[in-house]
Amino acid sequence: MNLFYKILYYFQKRGFEVCRRIAERLGIRTRVVRTSFIYLTFVTLGFGFALYLFLTFLLRIKDLIYTKRTSVFDL
């Protein structure tokens, strides 16, 4: 059971952080966004999880494209 908690802690700390980023953008608490995704997943039989993965993909692509550079020579 200890291995399970280590894996769970790893994903909580180093996961995709989609819910946190959406909550910061909307100005609400992260817990509300996570709960909304959970309810959406149960109500729509998996659509919430698919939406979560799609948002993860979009945020990852955005991070790769829009990187902040400190200088003109960082190309």
PDB file of N, CA and C in Angstrom:
ATOM      1  N   MET A   1       0.820  -1.193   0.000  1.00  0.00           N
ATOM      2  CA  MET A   1       0.000   0.000   0.000  1.00  0.00           C
ATOM      3  C   MET A   1       0.868   1.261   0.000  1.00  0.00           C
ATOM      4  N   ASN A   2       2.054   1.166   0.556  1.00  0.00           N
ATOM      5  CA  ASN A   2       2.949   2.309   0.597  1.00  0.00           C
ATOM      6  C   ASN A   2       3.370   2.712  -0.815  1.00  0.00           C
ATOM      7  N   LEU A   3       3.581   1.743  -1.699  1.00  0.00           N
ATOM      8  CA  LEU A   3       3.939   2.019  -3.088  1.00  0.00           C
ATOM      9  C   LEU A   3       2.807   2.774  -3.785  1.00  0.00           C
ATOM     10  N   PHE A   4       1.573   2.402  -3.481  1.00  0.00           N
ATOM     11  CA  PHE A   4       0.418   3.080  -4.061  1.00  0.00           C
ATOM     12  C   PHE A   4       0.411   4.559  -3.697  1.00  0.00           C
ATOM     13  N   TYR A   5       0.685   4.884  -2.456  1.00  0.00           N
ATOM     14  CA  TYR A   5       0.690   6.283  -2.023  1.00  0.00           C
ATOM     15  C   TYR A   5       1.867   7.066  -2.621  1.00  0.00           C
ATOM     16  N   LYS A   6       2.988   6.397  -2.837  1.00  0.00           N
ATOM     17  CA  LYS A   6       4.116   7.063  -3.491  1.00  0.00           C
ATOM     18  C   LYS A   6       3.776   7.423  -4.935  1.00  0.00           C
ATOM     19  N   ILE A   7       3.136   6.488  -5.633  1.00  0.00           N
ATOM     20  CA  ILE A   7       2.726   6.751  -7.012  1.00  0.00           C
ATOM     21  C   ILE A   7       1.672   7.851  -7.053  1.00  0.00           C
ATOM     22  N   LEU A   8       0.713   7.801  -6.151  1.00  0.00           N
ATOM     23  CA  LEU A   8      -0.331   8.820  -6.080  1.00  0.00           C
ATOM     24  C   LEU A   8       0.263  10.196  -5.793  1.00  0.00           C
ATOM     25  N   TYR A   9       1.199  10.270  -4.882  1.00  0.00           N
ATOM     26  CA  TYR A   9       1.852  11.536  -4.558  1.00  0.00           C
ATOM     27  C   TYR A   9       2.634  12.071  -5.750  1.00  0.00           C
ATOM     28  N   TYR A  10       3.296  11.182  -6.488  1.00  0.00           N
ATOM     29  CA  TYR A  10       4.057  11.598  -7.661  1.00  0.00           C
ATOM     30  C   TYR A  10       3.145  12.253  -8.692  1.00  0.00           C
ATOM     31  N   PHE A  11       2.009  11.630  -8.985  1.00  0.00           N
ATOM     32  CA  PHE A  11       1.101  12.189  -9.986  1.00  0.00           C
ATOM     33  C   PHE A  11       0.415  13.462  -9.502  1.00  0.00           C
ATOM     34  N   GLN A  12       0.189  13.575  -8.210  1.00  0.00           N
ATOM     35  CA  GLN A  12      -0.419  14.794  -7.695  1.00  0.00           C
ATOM     36  C   GLN A  12       0.549  15.968  -7.775  1.00  0.00           C
ATOM     37  N   LYS A  13       1.826  15.746  -7.526  1.00  0.00           N
ATOM     38  CA  LYS A  13       2.801  16.830  -7.529  1.00  0.00           C
ATOM     39  C   LYS A  13       3.346  17.146  -8.914  1.00  0.00           C
ATOM     40  N   ARG A  14       3.473  16.140  -9.782  1.00  0.00           N
ATOM     41  CA  ARG A  14       4.114  16.347 -11.072  1.00  0.00           C
ATOM     42  C   ARG A  14       3.205  15.998 -12.239  1.00  0.00           C
ATOM     43  N   GLY A  15       1.919  16.064 -12.021  1.00  0.00           N
ATOM     44  CA  GLY A  15       0.972  15.749 -13.079  1.00  0.00           C
ATOM     45  C   GLY A  15       0.858  16.875 -14.082  1.00  0.00           C
ATOM     46  N   PHE A  16      -0.174  16.834 -14.859  1.00  0.00           N
ATOM     47  CA  PHE A  16      -0.337  17.811 -15.921  1.00  0.00           C
ATOM     48  C   PHE A  16      -0.801  19.170 -15.405  1.00  0.00           C
ATOM     49  N   GLU A  17      -1.359  19.214 -14.235  1.00  0.00           N
ATOM     50  CA  GLU A  17      -1.806  20.449 -13.589  1.00  0.00           C
ATOM     51  C   GLU A  17      -2.830  21.212 -14.423  1.00  0.00           C
ATOM     52  N   VAL A  18      -3.668  20.475 -15.122  1.00  0.00           N
ATOM     53  CA  VAL A  18      -4.696  21.108 -15.941  1.00  0.00           C
ATOM     54  C   VAL A  18      -5.699  21.842 -15.063  1.00  0.00           C
ATOM     55  N   CYS A  19      -6.143  21.206 -14.012  1.00  0.00           N
ATOM     56  CA  CYS A  19      -7.146  21.819 -13.149  1.00  0.00           C
ATOM     57  C   CYS A  19      -6.615  23.085 -12.484  1.00  0.00           C
ATOM     58  N   ARG A  20      -5.374  23.055 -12.045  1.00  0.00           N
ATOM     59  CA  ARG A  20      -4.805  24.241 -11.400  1.00  0.00           C
ATOM     60  C   ARG A  20      -4.712  25.406 -12.372  1.00  0.00           C
ATOM     61  N   ARG A  21      -4.282  25.125 -13.584  1.00  0.00           N
ATOM     62  CA  ARG A  21      -4.129  26.201 -14.566  1.00  0.00           C
ATOM     63  C   ARG A  21      -5.476  26.768 -14.994  1.00  0.00           C
ATOM     64  N   ILE A  22      -6.476  25.910 -15.136  1.00  0.00           N
ATOM     65  CA  ILE A  22      -7.817  26.398 -15.477  1.00  0.00           C
ATOM     66  C   ILE A  22      -8.372  27.229 -14.327  1.00  0.00           C
ATOM     67  N   ALA A  23      -8.153  26.780 -13.091  1.00  0.00           N
ATOM     68  CA  ALA A  23      -8.652  27.513 -11.932  1.00  0.00           C
ATOM     69  C   ALA A  23      -7.979  28.878 -11.808  1.00  0.00           C
ATOM     70  N   GLU A  24      -6.693  28.949 -12.074  1.00  0.00           N
ATOM     71  CA  GLU A  24      -6.008  30.245 -12.033  1.00  0.00           C
ATOM     72  C   GLU A  24      -6.539  31.177 -13.108  1.00  0.00           C
ATOM     73  N   ARG A  25      -6.811  30.634 -14.282  1.00  0.00           N
ATOM     74  CA  ARG A  25      -7.321  31.453 -15.387  1.00  0.00           C
ATOM     75  C   ARG A  25      -8.720  31.991 -15.064  1.00  0.00           C
ATOM     76  N   LEU A  26      -9.563  31.160 -14.444  1.00  0.00           N
ATOM     77  CA  LEU A  26     -10.931  31.570 -14.127  1.00  0.00           C
ATOM     78  C   LEU A  26     -11.042  32.309 -12.801  1.00  0.00           C
ATOM     79  N   GLY A  27     -10.021  32.216 -11.963  1.00  0.00           N
ATOM     80  CA  GLY A  27     -10.042  32.896 -10.675  1.00  0.00           C
ATOM     81  C   GLY A  27     -10.865  32.169  -9.623  1.00  0.00           C
ATOM     82  N   ILE A  28     -10.941  30.846  -9.712  1.00  0.00           N
ATOM     83  CA  ILE A  28     -11.672  30.059  -8.722  1.00  0.00           C
ATOM     84  C   ILE A  28     -10.723  29.048  -8.088  1.00  0.00           C
ATOM     85  N   ARG A  29     -11.228  28.315  -7.098  1.00  0.00           N
ATOM     86  CA  ARG A  29     -10.389  27.342  -6.413  1.00  0.00           C
ATOM     87  C   ARG A  29     -10.200  26.088  -7.254  1.00  0.00           C
ATOM     88  N   THR A  30      -9.067  25.453  -7.089  1.00  0.00           N
ATOM     89  CA  THR A  30      -8.734  24.256  -7.851  1.00  0.00           C
ATOM     90  C   THR A  30      -9.677  23.112  -7.510  1.00  0.00           C
ATOM     91  N   ARG A  31     -10.078  23.031  -6.266  1.00  0.00           N
ATOM     92  CA  ARG A  31     -10.969  21.958  -5.832  1.00  0.00           C
ATOM     93  C   ARG A  31     -12.290  21.977  -6.578  1.00  0.00           C
ATOM     94  N   VAL A  32     -12.790  23.165  -6.885  1.00  0.00           N
ATOM     95  CA  VAL A  32     -14.048  23.291  -7.609  1.00  0.00           C
ATOM     96  C   VAL A  32     -13.899  22.746  -9.032  1.00  0.00           C
ATOM     97  N   VAL A  33     -12.777  23.035  -9.662  1.00  0.00           N
ATOM     98  CA  VAL A  33     -12.553  22.547 -11.023  1.00  0.00           C
ATOM     99  C   VAL A  33     -12.403  21.033 -11.033  1.00  0.00           C
ATOM    100  N   ARG A  34     -11.660  20.491 -10.086  1.00  0.00           N
ATOM    101  CA  ARG A  34     -11.488  19.035 -10.015  1.00  0.00           C
ATOM    102  C   ARG A  34     -12.824  18.338  -9.777  1.00  0.00           C
ATOM    103  N   THR A  35     -13.613  18.866  -8.874  1.00  0.00           N
ATOM    104  CA  THR A  35     -14.921  18.287  -8.589  1.00  0.00           C
ATOM    105  C   THR A  35     -15.826  18.360  -9.812  1.00  0.00           C
ATOM    106  N   SER A  36     -15.750  19.445 -10.546  1.00  0.00           N
ATOM    107  CA  SER A  36     -16.555  19.578 -11.763  1.00  0.00           C
ATOM    108  C   SER A  36     -16.160  18.537 -12.802  1.00  0.00           C
ATOM    109  N   PHE A  37     -14.866  18.296 -12.975  1.00  0.00           N
ATOM    110  CA  PHE A  37     -14.423  17.266 -13.908  1.00  0.00           C
ATOM    111  C   PHE A  37     -14.897  15.881 -13.472  1.00  0.00           C
ATOM    112  N   ILE A  38     -14.871  15.606 -12.176  1.00  0.00           N
ATOM    113  CA  ILE A  38     -15.321  14.307 -11.678  1.00  0.00           C
ATOM    114  C   ILE A  38     -16.808  14.125 -11.938  1.00  0.00           C
ATOM    115  N   TYR A  39     -17.619  15.127 -11.610  1.00  0.00           N
ATOM    116  CA  TYR A  39     -19.065  15.033 -11.846  1.00  0.00           C
ATOM    117  C   TYR A  39     -19.377  14.927 -13.333  1.00  0.00           C
ATOM    118  N   LEU A  40     -18.672  15.693 -14.152  1.00  0.00           N
ATOM    119  CA  LEU A  40     -18.888  15.644 -15.591  1.00  0.00           C
ATOM    120  C   LEU A  40     -18.562  14.257 -16.142  1.00  0.00           C
ATOM    121  N   THR A  41     -17.531  13.630 -15.611  1.00  0.00           N
ATOM    122  CA  THR A  41     -17.158  12.294 -16.062  1.00  0.00           C
ATOM    123  C   THR A  41     -18.230  11.279 -15.716  1.00  0.00           C
ATOM    124  N   PHE A  42     -18.778  11.343 -14.512  1.00  0.00           N
ATOM    125  CA  PHE A  42     -19.813  10.391 -14.123  1.00  0.00           C
ATOM    126  C   PHE A  42     -21.122  10.625 -14.855  1.00  0.00           C
ATOM    127  N   VAL A  43     -21.487  11.871 -15.040  1.00  0.00           N
ATOM    128  CA  VAL A  43     -22.775  12.186 -15.665  1.00  0.00           C
ATOM    129  C   VAL A  43     -22.761  11.836 -17.149  1.00  0.00           C
ATOM    130  N   THR A  44     -21.677  12.137 -17.831  1.00  0.00           N
ATOM    131  CA  THR A  44     -21.638  11.934 -19.279  1.00  0.00           C
ATOM    132  C   THR A  44     -20.912  10.656 -19.684  1.00  0.00           C
ATOM    133  N   LEU A  45     -20.636   9.790 -18.743  1.00  0.00           N
ATOM    134  CA  LEU A  45     -20.029   8.481 -18.995  1.00  0.00           C
ATOM    135  C   LEU A  45     -18.684   8.575 -19.718  1.00  0.00           C
ATOM    136  N   GLY A  46     -17.820   9.436 -19.237  1.00  0.00           N
ATOM    137  CA  GLY A  46     -16.463   9.498 -19.741  1.00  0.00           C
ATOM    138  C   GLY A  46     -16.120  10.730 -20.550  1.00  0.00           C
ATOM    139  N   PHE A  47     -17.083  11.571 -20.879  1.00  0.00           N
ATOM    140  CA  PHE A  47     -16.781  12.757 -21.669  1.00  0.00           C
ATOM    141  C   PHE A  47     -15.882  13.719 -20.897  1.00  0.00           C
ATOM    142  N   GLY A  48     -16.059  13.814 -19.589  1.00  0.00           N
ATOM    143  CA  GLY A  48     -15.223  14.697 -18.775  1.00  0.00           C
ATOM    144  C   GLY A  48     -13.766  14.280 -18.800  1.00  0.00           C
ATOM    145  N   PHE A  49     -13.522  12.978 -18.774  1.00  0.00           N
ATOM    146  CA  PHE A  49     -12.147  12.490 -18.838  1.00  0.00           C
ATOM    147  C   PHE A  49     -11.534  12.774 -20.202  1.00  0.00           C
ATOM    148  N   ALA A  50     -12.333  12.593 -21.259  1.00  0.00           N
ATOM    149  CA  ALA A  50     -11.846  12.905 -22.608  1.00  0.00           C
ATOM    150  C   ALA A  50     -11.555  14.397 -22.739  1.00  0.00           C
ATOM    151  N   LEU A  51     -12.409  15.227 -22.163  1.00  0.00           N
ATOM    152  CA  LEU A  51     -12.187  16.676 -22.178  1.00  0.00           C
ATOM    153  C   LEU A  51     -10.919  17.034 -21.419  1.00  0.00           C
ATOM    154  N   TYR A  52     -10.683  16.376 -20.286  1.00  0.00           N
ATOM    155  CA  TYR A  52      -9.482  16.613 -19.495  1.00  0.00           C
ATOM    156  C   TYR A  52      -8.225  16.271 -20.298  1.00  0.00           C
ATOM    157  N   LEU A  53      -8.240  15.136 -20.982  1.00  0.00           N
ATOM    158  CA  LEU A  53      -7.081  14.751 -21.787  1.00  0.00           C
ATOM    159  C   LEU A  53      -6.870  15.708 -22.951  1.00  0.00           C
ATOM    160  N   PHE A  54      -7.959  16.178 -23.556  1.00  0.00           N
ATOM    161  CA  PHE A  54      -7.849  17.141 -24.653  1.00  0.00           C
ATOM    162  C   PHE A  54      -7.255  18.453 -24.158  1.00  0.00           C
ATOM    163  N   LEU A  55      -7.695  18.936 -23.012  1.00  0.00           N
ATOM    164  CA  LEU A  55      -7.134  20.161 -22.447  1.00  0.00           C
ATOM    165  C   LEU A  55      -5.666  19.981 -22.061  1.00  0.00           C
ATOM    166  N   THR A  56      -5.319  18.805 -21.583  1.00  0.00           N
ATOM    167  CA  THR A  56      -3.921  18.511 -21.276  1.00  0.00           C
ATOM    168  C   THR A  56      -3.065  18.624 -22.532  1.00  0.00           C
ATOM    169  N   PHE A  57      -3.555  18.053 -23.612  1.00  0.00           N
ATOM    170  CA  PHE A  57      -2.837  18.121 -24.882  1.00  0.00           C
ATOM    171  C   PHE A  57      -2.683  19.566 -25.340  1.00  0.00           C
ATOM    172  N   LEU A  58      -3.754  20.361 -25.274  1.00  0.00           N
ATOM    173  CA  LEU A  58      -3.683  21.748 -25.704  1.00  0.00           C
ATOM    174  C   LEU A  58      -2.721  22.572 -24.852  1.00  0.00           C
ATOM    175  N   LEU A  59      -2.760  22.383 -23.543  1.00  0.00           N
ATOM    176  CA  LEU A  59      -1.858  23.126 -22.672  1.00  0.00           C
ATOM    177  C   LEU A  59      -0.406  22.734 -22.914  1.00  0.00           C
ATOM    178  N   ARG A  60      -0.158  21.471 -23.195  1.00  0.00           N
ATOM    179  CA  ARG A  60       1.205  21.019 -23.463  1.00  0.00           C
ATOM    180  C   ARG A  60       1.721  21.635 -24.769  1.00  0.00           C
ATOM    181  N   ILE A  61       0.874  21.683 -25.782  1.00  0.00           N
ATOM    182  CA  ILE A  61       1.256  22.301 -27.053  1.00  0.00           C
ATOM    183  C   ILE A  61       1.502  23.794 -26.866  1.00  0.00           C
ATOM    184  N   LYS A  62       0.639  24.471 -26.099  1.00  0.00           N
ATOM    185  CA  LYS A  62       0.807  25.899 -25.842  1.00  0.00           C
ATOM    186  C   LYS A  62       2.119  26.166 -25.127  1.00  0.00           C
ATOM    187  N   ASP A  63       2.472  25.320 -24.188  1.00  0.00           N
ATOM    188  CA  ASP A  63       3.738  25.489 -23.471  1.00  0.00           C
ATOM    189  C   ASP A  63       4.940  25.305 -24.396  1.00  0.00           C
ATOM    190  N   LEU A  64       4.817  24.423 -25.353  1.00  0.00           N
ATOM    191  CA  LEU A  64       5.919  24.211 -26.279  1.00  0.00           C
ATOM    192  C   LEU A  64       6.071  25.363 -27.262  1.00  0.00           C
ATOM    193  N   ILE A  65       4.962  25.969 -27.648  1.00  0.00           N
ATOM    194  CA  ILE A  65       5.006  27.045 -28.639  1.00  0.00           C
ATOM    195  C   ILE A  65       5.353  28.377 -27.996  1.00  0.00           C
ATOM    196  N   TYR A  66       4.657  28.725 -26.935  1.00  0.00           N
ATOM    197  CA  TYR A  66       4.852  30.023 -26.296  1.00  0.00           C
ATOM    198  C   TYR A  66       5.806  29.892 -25.117  1.00  0.00           C
ATOM    199  N   THR A  67       7.072  29.946 -25.376  1.00  0.00           N
ATOM    200  CA  THR A  67       8.060  29.942 -24.300  1.00  0.00           C
ATOM    201  C   THR A  67       8.578  31.348 -24.117  1.00  0.00           C
ATOM    202  N   LYS A  68       8.738  31.736 -22.894  1.00  0.00           N
ATOM    203  CA  LYS A  68       9.236  33.075 -22.607  1.00  0.00           C
ATOM    204  C   LYS A  68      10.756  33.096 -22.736  1.00  0.00           C
ATOM    205  N   ARG A  69      11.230  33.971 -23.540  1.00  0.00           N
ATOM    206  CA  ARG A  69      12.662  34.107 -23.733  1.00  0.00           C
ATOM    207  C   ARG A  69      13.138  35.396 -23.062  1.00  0.00           C
ATOM    208  N   THR A  70      14.274  35.308 -22.448  1.00  0.00           N
ATOM    209  CA  THR A  70      14.800  36.462 -21.732  1.00  0.00           C
ATOM    210  C   THR A  70      15.570  37.402 -22.638  1.00  0.00           C
ATOM    211  N   SER A  71      16.005  36.900 -23.775  1.00  0.00           N
ATOM    212  CA  SER A  71      16.829  37.713 -24.658  1.00  0.00           C
ATOM    213  C   SER A  71      16.508  37.373 -26.119  1.00  0.00           C
ATOM    214  N   VAL A  72      16.898  38.247 -26.996  1.00  0.00           N
ATOM    215  CA  VAL A  72      16.718  38.010 -28.423  1.00  0.00           C
ATOM    216  C   VAL A  72      17.625  36.865 -28.884  1.00  0.00           C
ATOM    217  N   PHE A  73      18.711  36.658 -28.194  1.00  0.00           N
ATOM    218  CA  PHE A  73      19.691  35.667 -28.606  1.00  0.00           C
ATOM    219  C   PHE A  73      19.372  34.260 -28.103  1.00  0.00           C
ATOM    220  N   ASP A  74      18.206  34.070 -27.462  1.00  0.00           N
ATOM    221  CA  ASP A  74      17.828  32.754 -26.951  1.00  0.00           C
ATOM    222  C   ASP A  74      17.100  31.915 -27.980  1.00  0.00           C
ATOM    223  N   LEU A  75      17.164  32.247 -29.218  1.00  0.00           N
ATOM    224  CA  LEU A  75      16.500  31.479 -30.255  1.00  0.00           C
ATOM    225  C   LEU A  75      17.227  30.183 -30.443  1.00  0.00           C
TER     226      LEU A  75
END
